[in-house]
Amino acid sequence: MMKDSLIASCLNQKQVRPTIFCSTLTKKLKKLEEASDSDSGVVTMTFHLENGSQQQMIVEEGLRVIDLCHLLTLKFNLARSHTWSIVEQLHSLKIERSLEDHEEVLHVYNTWDSETSDRNKFVFRQDFQKYEFLKSTQVNLVPELEGLSDNITPF
């Protein structure tokens, strides 16, 4: 049932290559279903939206944040965008951080302390400044080097 609704929703979206996209999604769903039977490297996690709604997902080992963000946009029926991110909120430390696209979600989850992990949570939200430092050419990461190129003479 879950597979059919995800495939139907991806067909309704105007993708450049819907057959490749849907077949890849179907393969991922089959892997998740098979992995849930074997219980090796698979955890059911809850992801929260800022409006209070939540969604449980089966997360397998090796699933990266960027892939999970895409799956969550399908689950929550949200517009696909590169601005979606997963934020881990660590209740005991009273901090939060956006996970990087390449991080494996299950690995991050396994680093949580077992005593406080029930109060920690993952929040799925948009971060419009996620790649801002890459887009802005005005940002100087090393202020000491500012103006150094003015003093260099070409050969």
N, C-alpha and C. Protein backbone atom coordinates (compact mmCIF):
# COMPACT_ATOMS: atom_id res chain seq x y z
N MET A 1 0.83 -1.19 0.00
CA MET A 1 0.00 0.00 0.00
C MET A 1 0.87 1.25 0.00
N MET A 2 1.89 1.28 0.88
CA MET A 2 2.78 2.43 0.94
C MET A 2 3.51 2.59 -0.38
N LYS A 3 3.93 1.46 -0.96
CA LYS A 3 4.66 1.51 -2.22
C LYS A 3 3.79 2.08 -3.32
N ASP A 4 2.54 1.67 -3.40
CA ASP A 4 1.64 2.14 -4.45
C ASP A 4 1.39 3.64 -4.34
N SER A 5 1.21 4.13 -3.13
CA SER A 5 0.95 5.57 -2.98
C SER A 5 2.18 6.40 -3.32
N LEU A 6 3.38 5.91 -2.96
CA LEU A 6 4.60 6.64 -3.30
C LEU A 6 4.84 6.66 -4.81
N ILE A 7 4.59 5.54 -5.45
CA ILE A 7 4.79 5.48 -6.90
C ILE A 7 3.77 6.36 -7.60
N ALA A 8 2.52 6.33 -7.14
CA ALA A 8 1.49 7.18 -7.74
C ALA A 8 1.83 8.65 -7.58
N SER A 9 2.34 9.02 -6.40
CA SER A 9 2.68 10.42 -6.19
C SER A 9 3.88 10.84 -7.04
N CYS A 10 4.83 9.94 -7.25
CA CYS A 10 5.98 10.32 -8.07
C CYS A 10 5.59 10.39 -9.54
N LEU A 11 4.60 9.61 -9.98
CA LEU A 11 4.14 9.71 -11.36
C LEU A 11 3.37 11.00 -11.60
N ASN A 12 2.69 11.49 -10.57
CA ASN A 12 1.94 12.74 -10.70
C ASN A 12 2.87 13.94 -10.80
N GLN A 13 4.08 13.82 -10.24
CA GLN A 13 5.04 14.91 -10.34
C GLN A 13 5.64 14.92 -11.73
N LYS A 14 5.98 16.08 -12.22
CA LYS A 14 6.58 16.19 -13.55
C LYS A 14 8.09 16.04 -13.43
N GLN A 15 8.54 14.82 -13.54
CA GLN A 15 9.96 14.52 -13.46
C GLN A 15 10.52 14.43 -14.88
N VAL A 16 11.80 14.68 -15.02
CA VAL A 16 12.43 14.59 -16.33
C VAL A 16 12.41 13.15 -16.81
N ARG A 17 12.69 12.22 -15.92
CA ARG A 17 12.73 10.81 -16.28
C ARG A 17 11.91 10.03 -15.25
N PRO A 18 10.58 10.05 -15.35
CA PRO A 18 9.76 9.43 -14.30
C PRO A 18 9.94 7.92 -14.20
N THR A 19 10.21 7.23 -15.31
CA THR A 19 10.33 5.78 -15.21
C THR A 19 11.58 5.38 -14.45
N ILE A 20 12.68 6.07 -14.69
CA ILE A 20 13.92 5.77 -13.95
C ILE A 20 13.75 6.13 -12.48
N PHE A 21 13.14 7.29 -12.23
CA PHE A 21 12.92 7.73 -10.85
C PHE A 21 12.05 6.74 -10.10
N CYS A 22 10.93 6.34 -10.71
CA CYS A 22 10.00 5.44 -10.04
C CYS A 22 10.59 4.04 -9.85
N SER A 23 11.36 3.57 -10.82
CA SER A 23 11.96 2.25 -10.65
C SER A 23 13.01 2.27 -9.55
N THR A 24 13.75 3.38 -9.43
CA THR A 24 14.72 3.52 -8.35
C THR A 24 14.02 3.57 -7.01
N LEU A 25 12.93 4.31 -6.93
CA LEU A 25 12.16 4.41 -5.69
C LEU A 25 11.57 3.05 -5.32
N THR A 26 11.08 2.31 -6.30
CA THR A 26 10.52 0.99 -6.05
C THR A 26 11.59 0.05 -5.50
N LYS A 27 12.79 0.12 -6.07
CA LYS A 27 13.88 -0.72 -5.58
C LYS A 27 14.23 -0.38 -4.14
N LYS A 28 14.25 0.93 -3.81
CA LYS A 28 14.55 1.33 -2.44
C LYS A 28 13.48 0.84 -1.47
N LEU A 29 12.22 0.92 -1.89
CA LEU A 29 11.13 0.46 -1.03
C LEU A 29 11.21 -1.05 -0.82
N LYS A 30 11.54 -1.80 -1.87
CA LYS A 30 11.68 -3.26 -1.72
C LYS A 30 12.81 -3.59 -0.76
N LYS A 31 13.93 -2.86 -0.87
CA LYS A 31 15.04 -3.08 0.05
C LYS A 31 14.62 -2.81 1.48
N LEU A 32 13.86 -1.73 1.69
CA LEU A 32 13.40 -1.40 3.04
C LEU A 32 12.46 -2.47 3.58
N GLU A 33 11.57 -2.99 2.73
CA GLU A 33 10.66 -4.03 3.18
C GLU A 33 11.41 -5.31 3.53
N GLU A 34 12.39 -5.68 2.70
CA GLU A 34 13.19 -6.87 2.98
C GLU A 34 14.02 -6.69 4.25
N ALA A 35 14.58 -5.50 4.40
CA ALA A 35 15.42 -5.24 5.56
C ALA A 35 14.59 -5.23 6.84
N SER A 36 13.34 -4.80 6.77
CA SER A 36 12.51 -4.78 7.98
C SER A 36 12.21 -6.19 8.45
N ASP A 37 12.21 -7.15 7.53
CA ASP A 37 12.00 -8.54 7.91
C ASP A 37 13.21 -9.11 8.63
N SER A 38 14.40 -8.72 8.23
CA SER A 38 15.61 -9.30 8.81
C SER A 38 16.10 -8.56 10.05
N ASP A 39 15.65 -7.31 10.29
CA ASP A 39 16.01 -6.51 11.47
C ASP A 39 17.50 -6.24 11.60
N SER A 40 18.26 -6.31 10.54
CA SER A 40 19.68 -6.01 10.65
C SER A 40 19.95 -4.65 10.05
N GLY A 41 20.40 -3.70 10.89
CA GLY A 41 20.72 -2.37 10.42
C GLY A 41 19.52 -1.56 10.02
N VAL A 42 18.36 -1.82 10.63
CA VAL A 42 17.14 -1.10 10.30
C VAL A 42 16.47 -0.64 11.59
N VAL A 43 16.02 0.62 11.59
CA VAL A 43 15.35 1.19 12.76
C VAL A 43 14.16 2.00 12.27
N THR A 44 13.06 1.93 13.00
CA THR A 44 11.92 2.78 12.72
C THR A 44 12.09 4.06 13.53
N MET A 45 12.13 5.19 12.84
CA MET A 45 12.35 6.48 13.48
C MET A 45 11.17 7.40 13.21
N THR A 46 11.00 8.37 14.11
CA THR A 46 9.95 9.36 13.95
C THR A 46 10.58 10.69 13.55
N PHE A 47 10.01 11.31 12.53
CA PHE A 47 10.47 12.61 12.05
C PHE A 47 9.35 13.62 12.25
N HIS A 48 9.68 14.77 12.82
CA HIS A 48 8.70 15.78 13.18
C HIS A 48 8.78 16.96 12.22
N LEU A 49 7.62 17.57 11.95
CA LEU A 49 7.57 18.83 11.25
C LEU A 49 7.37 19.93 12.28
N GLU A 50 7.68 21.17 11.90
CA GLU A 50 7.54 22.27 12.84
C GLU A 50 6.08 22.55 13.20
N ASN A 51 5.13 22.10 12.40
CA ASN A 51 3.72 22.32 12.70
C ASN A 51 3.16 21.28 13.68
N GLY A 52 4.01 20.38 14.14
CA GLY A 52 3.59 19.39 15.13
C GLY A 52 3.28 18.02 14.57
N SER A 53 3.11 17.90 13.25
CA SER A 53 2.84 16.59 12.68
C SER A 53 4.12 15.76 12.67
N GLN A 54 3.95 14.47 12.58
CA GLN A 54 5.11 13.57 12.59
C GLN A 54 4.86 12.39 11.68
N GLN A 55 5.94 11.74 11.29
CA GLN A 55 5.86 10.60 10.39
C GLN A 55 6.91 9.58 10.80
N GLN A 56 6.51 8.32 10.88
CA GLN A 56 7.48 7.27 11.16
C GLN A 56 7.99 6.72 9.85
N MET A 57 9.29 6.46 9.82
CA MET A 57 9.94 5.91 8.63
C MET A 57 10.87 4.79 9.06
N ILE A 58 10.97 3.79 8.22
CA ILE A 58 11.97 2.75 8.42
C ILE A 58 13.26 3.25 7.79
N VAL A 59 14.31 3.35 8.59
CA VAL A 59 15.59 3.86 8.11
C VAL A 59 16.59 2.72 8.14
N GLU A 60 17.19 2.48 7.00
CA GLU A 60 18.17 1.40 6.91
C GLU A 60 19.58 1.95 6.96
N GLU A 61 20.50 1.09 7.22
CA GLU A 61 21.90 1.46 7.25
C GLU A 61 22.32 1.94 5.86
N GLY A 62 23.06 3.04 5.82
CA GLY A 62 23.55 3.57 4.56
C GLY A 62 22.62 4.61 3.93
N LEU A 63 21.45 4.85 4.52
CA LEU A 63 20.54 5.85 3.96
C LEU A 63 21.05 7.24 4.32
N ARG A 64 21.36 8.02 3.30
CA ARG A 64 21.91 9.36 3.51
C ARG A 64 20.80 10.38 3.73
N VAL A 65 21.16 11.49 4.32
CA VAL A 65 20.21 12.56 4.64
C VAL A 65 19.52 13.06 3.38
N ILE A 66 20.26 13.26 2.31
CA ILE A 66 19.67 13.81 1.09
C ILE A 66 18.60 12.87 0.53
N ASP A 67 18.83 11.56 0.62
CA ASP A 67 17.85 10.59 0.14
C ASP A 67 16.63 10.54 1.06
N LEU A 68 16.87 10.61 2.36
CA LEU A 68 15.77 10.59 3.32
C LEU A 68 14.91 11.85 3.19
N CYS A 69 15.54 12.99 2.93
CA CYS A 69 14.78 14.23 2.72
C CYS A 69 13.83 14.08 1.54
N HIS A 70 14.32 13.45 0.49
CA HIS A 70 13.46 13.24 -0.68
C HIS A 70 12.29 12.32 -0.33
N LEU A 71 12.56 11.23 0.37
CA LEU A 71 11.49 10.32 0.77
C LEU A 71 10.49 10.99 1.69
N LEU A 72 10.97 11.84 2.60
CA LEU A 72 10.07 12.52 3.52
C LEU A 72 9.20 13.55 2.80
N THR A 73 9.73 14.20 1.77
CA THR A 73 8.88 15.13 1.01
C THR A 73 7.74 14.37 0.33
N LEU A 74 8.01 13.15 -0.10
CA LEU A 74 6.95 12.33 -0.68
C LEU A 74 5.95 11.90 0.39
N LYS A 75 6.44 11.48 1.54
CA LYS A 75 5.57 11.03 2.64
C LYS A 75 4.68 12.14 3.16
N PHE A 76 5.26 13.33 3.35
CA PHE A 76 4.50 14.47 3.87
C PHE A 76 3.75 15.21 2.77
N ASN A 77 3.92 14.78 1.51
CA ASN A 77 3.29 15.42 0.36
C ASN A 77 3.69 16.90 0.26
N LEU A 78 5.00 17.14 0.30
CA LEU A 78 5.56 18.49 0.23
C LEU A 78 6.28 18.70 -1.09
N ALA A 79 6.47 19.95 -1.45
CA ALA A 79 7.20 20.27 -2.68
C ALA A 79 8.66 19.87 -2.53
N ARG A 80 9.19 19.24 -3.55
CA ARG A 80 10.59 18.81 -3.52
C ARG A 80 11.48 20.04 -3.69
N SER A 81 12.49 20.15 -2.82
CA SER A 81 13.39 21.29 -2.87
C SER A 81 14.71 20.91 -2.23
N HIS A 82 15.78 21.56 -2.66
CA HIS A 82 17.09 21.31 -2.06
C HIS A 82 17.21 21.95 -0.68
N THR A 83 16.22 22.74 -0.28
CA THR A 83 16.30 23.43 1.00
C THR A 83 15.84 22.57 2.18
N TRP A 84 15.24 21.42 1.93
CA TRP A 84 14.81 20.56 3.03
C TRP A 84 16.02 19.97 3.74
N SER A 85 15.93 19.92 5.05
CA SER A 85 17.03 19.33 5.82
C SER A 85 16.47 18.63 7.04
N ILE A 86 17.29 17.80 7.63
CA ILE A 86 16.94 17.10 8.86
C ILE A 86 17.79 17.69 9.96
N VAL A 87 17.14 18.09 11.03
CA VAL A 87 17.82 18.72 12.16
C VAL A 87 17.72 17.77 13.35
N GLU A 88 18.86 17.48 13.96
CA GLU A 88 18.80 16.67 15.18
C GLU A 88 18.75 17.61 16.37
N GLN A 89 17.81 17.37 17.26
CA GLN A 89 17.69 18.16 18.47
C GLN A 89 18.09 17.29 19.65
N LEU A 90 19.15 17.69 20.33
CA LEU A 90 19.66 16.94 21.48
C LEU A 90 19.15 17.63 22.74
N HIS A 91 18.17 17.01 23.36
CA HIS A 91 17.48 17.62 24.49
C HIS A 91 18.41 17.85 25.69
N SER A 92 19.25 16.89 26.02
CA SER A 92 20.10 17.02 27.20
C SER A 92 21.12 18.15 27.06
N LEU A 93 21.60 18.39 25.85
CA LEU A 93 22.57 19.46 25.61
C LEU A 93 21.90 20.77 25.22
N LYS A 94 20.60 20.70 24.94
CA LYS A 94 19.82 21.87 24.51
C LYS A 94 20.42 22.54 23.26
N ILE A 95 20.81 21.69 22.31
CA ILE A 95 21.34 22.18 21.04
C ILE A 95 20.65 21.46 19.89
N GLU A 96 20.81 22.03 18.71
CA GLU A 96 20.36 21.38 17.50
C GLU A 96 21.36 21.68 16.39
N ARG A 97 21.40 20.78 15.43
CA ARG A 97 22.27 21.00 14.27
C ARG A 97 21.64 20.37 13.05
N SER A 98 21.86 21.01 11.92
CA SER A 98 21.40 20.46 10.65
C SER A 98 22.36 19.38 10.21
N LEU A 99 21.82 18.25 9.85
CA LEU A 99 22.65 17.18 9.34
C LEU A 99 23.09 17.51 7.93
N GLU A 100 24.29 17.12 7.59
CA GLU A 100 24.80 17.36 6.25
C GLU A 100 24.25 16.30 5.30
N ASP A 101 24.11 16.67 4.03
CA ASP A 101 23.49 15.79 3.04
C ASP A 101 24.13 14.41 2.95
N HIS A 102 25.43 14.32 3.15
CA HIS A 102 26.13 13.05 2.97
C HIS A 102 26.10 12.16 4.20
N GLU A 103 25.64 12.67 5.35
CA GLU A 103 25.64 11.89 6.58
C GLU A 103 24.61 10.76 6.52
N GLU A 104 24.94 9.66 7.18
CA GLU A 104 24.02 8.54 7.29
C GLU A 104 23.18 8.73 8.54
N VAL A 105 21.87 8.73 8.37
CA VAL A 105 20.94 9.04 9.46
C VAL A 105 21.04 8.01 10.58
N LEU A 106 21.14 6.75 10.23
CA LEU A 106 21.21 5.70 11.25
C LEU A 106 22.48 5.82 12.08
N HIS A 107 23.57 6.23 11.45
CA HIS A 107 24.83 6.43 12.18
C HIS A 107 24.68 7.55 13.20
N VAL A 108 24.03 8.64 12.82
CA VAL A 108 23.80 9.76 13.74
C VAL A 108 22.90 9.30 14.89
N TYR A 109 21.86 8.57 14.57
CA TYR A 109 20.93 8.06 15.58
C TYR A 109 21.65 7.15 16.58
N ASN A 110 22.56 6.32 16.09
CA ASN A 110 23.27 5.40 16.97
C ASN A 110 24.26 6.09 17.90
N THR A 111 24.61 7.34 17.62
CA THR A 111 25.52 8.08 18.50
C THR A 111 24.80 8.69 19.69
N TRP A 112 23.47 8.69 19.67
CA TRP A 112 22.72 9.25 20.78
C TRP A 112 22.88 8.40 22.03
N ASP A 113 23.00 9.07 23.16
CA ASP A 113 23.10 8.41 24.45
C ASP A 113 21.79 7.67 24.73
N SER A 114 21.86 6.43 25.17
CA SER A 114 20.65 5.64 25.38
C SER A 114 19.75 6.20 26.47
N GLU A 115 20.32 6.90 27.43
CA GLU A 115 19.52 7.46 28.52
C GLU A 115 18.67 8.64 28.07
N THR A 116 19.16 9.42 27.12
CA THR A 116 18.44 10.62 26.69
C THR A 116 17.87 10.51 25.28
N SER A 117 18.07 9.39 24.62
CA SER A 117 17.64 9.27 23.22
C SER A 117 16.13 9.36 23.06
N ASP A 118 15.35 9.03 24.11
CA ASP A 118 13.90 9.12 23.97
C ASP A 118 13.42 10.57 23.92
N ARG A 119 14.23 11.52 24.39
CA ARG A 119 13.84 12.94 24.34
C ARG A 119 14.48 13.66 23.15
N ASN A 120 15.49 13.06 22.53
CA ASN A 120 16.08 13.64 21.32
C ASN A 120 15.12 13.40 20.16
N LYS A 121 15.21 14.23 19.14
CA LYS A 121 14.34 14.01 17.99
C LYS A 121 14.95 14.59 16.72
N PHE A 122 14.43 14.10 15.61
CA PHE A 122 14.77 14.61 14.29
C PHE A 122 13.62 15.49 13.82
N VAL A 123 13.97 16.69 13.36
CA VAL A 123 12.97 17.61 12.82
C VAL A 123 13.25 17.79 11.33
N PHE A 124 12.23 17.67 10.53
CA PHE A 124 12.34 17.84 9.09
C PHE A 124 11.81 19.22 8.74
N ARG A 125 12.70 20.10 8.28
CA ARG A 125 12.28 21.47 7.98
C ARG A 125 13.15 22.07 6.88
N GLN A 126 12.67 23.18 6.36
CA GLN A 126 13.42 23.86 5.31
C GLN A 126 14.45 24.79 5.92
N ASP A 127 15.62 24.79 5.31
CA ASP A 127 16.70 25.69 5.72
C ASP A 127 17.14 26.42 4.46
N PHE A 128 16.65 27.65 4.31
CA PHE A 128 16.91 28.40 3.08
C PHE A 128 18.35 28.88 2.98
N GLN A 129 19.10 28.84 4.05
CA GLN A 129 20.50 29.26 4.03
C GLN A 129 21.45 28.06 4.03
N LYS A 130 20.92 26.91 3.69
CA LYS A 130 21.69 25.66 3.73
C LYS A 130 22.97 25.73 2.88
N TYR A 131 22.86 26.29 1.70
CA TYR A 131 24.02 26.39 0.80
C TYR A 131 24.45 27.83 0.58
N GLU A 132 24.02 28.72 1.42
CA GLU A 132 24.26 30.15 1.21
C GLU A 132 25.75 30.49 1.15
N PHE A 133 26.55 29.86 1.97
CA PHE A 133 27.98 30.19 1.96
C PHE A 133 28.65 29.78 0.66
N LEU A 134 28.05 28.85 -0.09
CA LEU A 134 28.60 28.47 -1.38
C LEU A 134 28.18 29.43 -2.49
N LYS A 135 27.01 30.06 -2.33
CA LYS A 135 26.49 30.95 -3.36
C LYS A 135 27.07 32.35 -3.27
N SER A 136 27.34 32.80 -2.08
CA SER A 136 27.78 34.17 -1.88
C SER A 136 29.28 34.30 -2.15
N THR A 137 29.62 35.15 -3.11
CA THR A 137 31.04 35.37 -3.41
C THR A 137 31.63 36.45 -2.51
N GLN A 138 30.78 37.12 -1.74
CA GLN A 138 31.24 38.20 -0.87
C GLN A 138 31.79 37.68 0.45
N VAL A 139 31.53 36.42 0.78
CA VAL A 139 31.98 35.87 2.06
C VAL A 139 33.46 35.57 1.99
N ASN A 140 34.21 36.08 2.95
CA ASN A 140 35.63 35.81 3.03
C ASN A 140 35.87 34.97 4.28
N LEU A 141 36.24 33.71 4.09
CA LEU A 141 36.41 32.81 5.22
C LEU A 141 37.67 33.10 6.03
N VAL A 142 38.67 33.69 5.40
CA VAL A 142 39.91 34.02 6.10
C VAL A 142 40.16 35.51 5.92
N PRO A 143 39.73 36.32 6.91
CA PRO A 143 39.85 37.78 6.76
C PRO A 143 41.29 38.26 6.63
N GLU A 144 42.25 37.52 7.15
CA GLU A 144 43.66 37.92 7.07
C GLU A 144 44.17 37.92 5.63
N LEU A 145 43.53 37.15 4.77
CA LEU A 145 43.97 37.06 3.37
C LEU A 145 43.30 38.09 2.47
N GLU A 146 42.39 38.88 3.03
CA GLU A 146 41.70 39.89 2.25
C GLU A 146 42.70 40.93 1.72
N GLY A 147 42.62 41.22 0.46
CA GLY A 147 43.51 42.21 -0.15
C GLY A 147 44.87 41.64 -0.53
N LEU A 148 45.14 40.39 -0.20
CA LEU A 148 46.43 39.78 -0.52
C LEU A 148 46.62 39.65 -2.03
N SER A 149 45.54 39.36 -2.75
CA SER A 149 45.65 39.20 -4.20
C SER A 149 45.99 40.51 -4.89
N ASP A 150 45.73 41.65 -4.25
CA ASP A 150 46.06 42.96 -4.84
C ASP A 150 47.57 43.17 -4.92
N ASN A 151 48.31 42.53 -4.02
CA ASN A 151 49.76 42.73 -3.95
C ASN A 151 50.56 41.73 -4.79
N ILE A 152 49.88 40.77 -5.39
CA ILE A 152 50.58 39.76 -6.18
C ILE A 152 50.71 40.25 -7.60
N THR A 153 51.93 40.21 -8.12
CA THR A 153 52.16 40.63 -9.49
C THR A 153 52.28 39.39 -10.37
N PRO A 154 51.67 39.44 -11.56
CA PRO A 154 51.74 38.27 -12.45
C PRO A 154 53.14 38.14 -13.03
N PHE A 155 53.48 36.94 -13.45
CA PHE A 155 54.81 36.67 -14.04
C PHE A 155 54.98 37.31 -15.38
